[in-house]
Amino acid sequence: MTEKLFILGLGAQRAGTTWLHQQLNRCDAVDMGFTKEYNALVNPKASLRGQWRRHRRRQEQLNASFGSARRFSHEEFLALPTEQKQLLMRVRHHHYLDYFDHLVADNPTIHATGDISPYYAQLHADRLRHIRRQLRRRGFTVKLIFLLRDPVDRIQSQLRLIRREGHVPELSRIADPDRALAVHYRSARCERHSRYEHTLAAIEAAFPANDVLVEFHERLFQQHSHTRLARFLNLKLPPPELTKKINAAPGPQFRDTNLLRAIAHHYAPTYTACRERFGDQVEQLWPYARLV
């Protein structure tokens, strides 16, 4: 029997996850489903009150979207628009598991599927263990991929995209890019995608090392990285599109070198945690690591 493979991608945001998703989907044995980021997995609320509030909010979302909180068969689920499918995956987790199970079971040529959502970099170890356990019960081998990028570079890229697309009006209204960067890098929005040490610790507590691939954005678009990916997943991937750029975020350059140095120092624990795990590669690949 051919192994069923589930590829769980945790990000990082602005580190090449969209390119990775497209390269995986080019493989005949892979079907990543109706979207790249399902964003269906969340950490449980710590308190009973928090759990109850989340339950009530989800019921309200179901009522607002469907007019009721009724149950859906798998066939009905598949016919729904993308946003409604994602809502059901978050609220009724069996839809998430059923969907990927059917993707593989219903097509004999498909052996691998997955979900690459940078939002999942925030998941705690207990939550990662839980989803791994649920997928393994469905017969999947679960492989986890986490892409890293120099935090200072990642933060600049994230801010360019935010300002270009107007996601955060208070940042888009600041005319000076350096001033916007000074506001952004300390924000909770930025921290949760840049503190790799928390994600790495959760991964290490939840997954065996041989089921984890950590790769650097700075060398992702190279043949040897693609070969390593194919070997890790045990898939015959097509030749990579190494020059293809996806979701690039060109824009004004940030010129305040003192600010960039301050950002590197702010994320010094992140650089240290990565040095401890990956050694000299960090200094070689991440220019801002040399400032800390």
Foldseek 3Di string as FASTA:
>chain_A
DFAAAAEEAQDLPPLCQVQVVVLQCQFQQEDQPDDAALVQFDEADPDPVSNVVVLVVLQVVCCVVPVGVDDDDLVRLVPDDSVVNSSCCNNPVVSVLVVSLCVPVVDVSHRYYYHHHNVNLLYALVRLQVVCVVNVVSRYDYAYEYEDEQLLVSLLQVLLLCLVVVVDVVLVPDPQVQVSSLVPLPDPVSVSSRQNLRSVVSCVSRDDPLRYDYYYSQCCLDPVNVVVVCVSRVGDGDDRPSPDDDPGRDDDDNDPVVSSLVSLVVNVVSLVSCCVVPNPVSVVRHVSSVSD
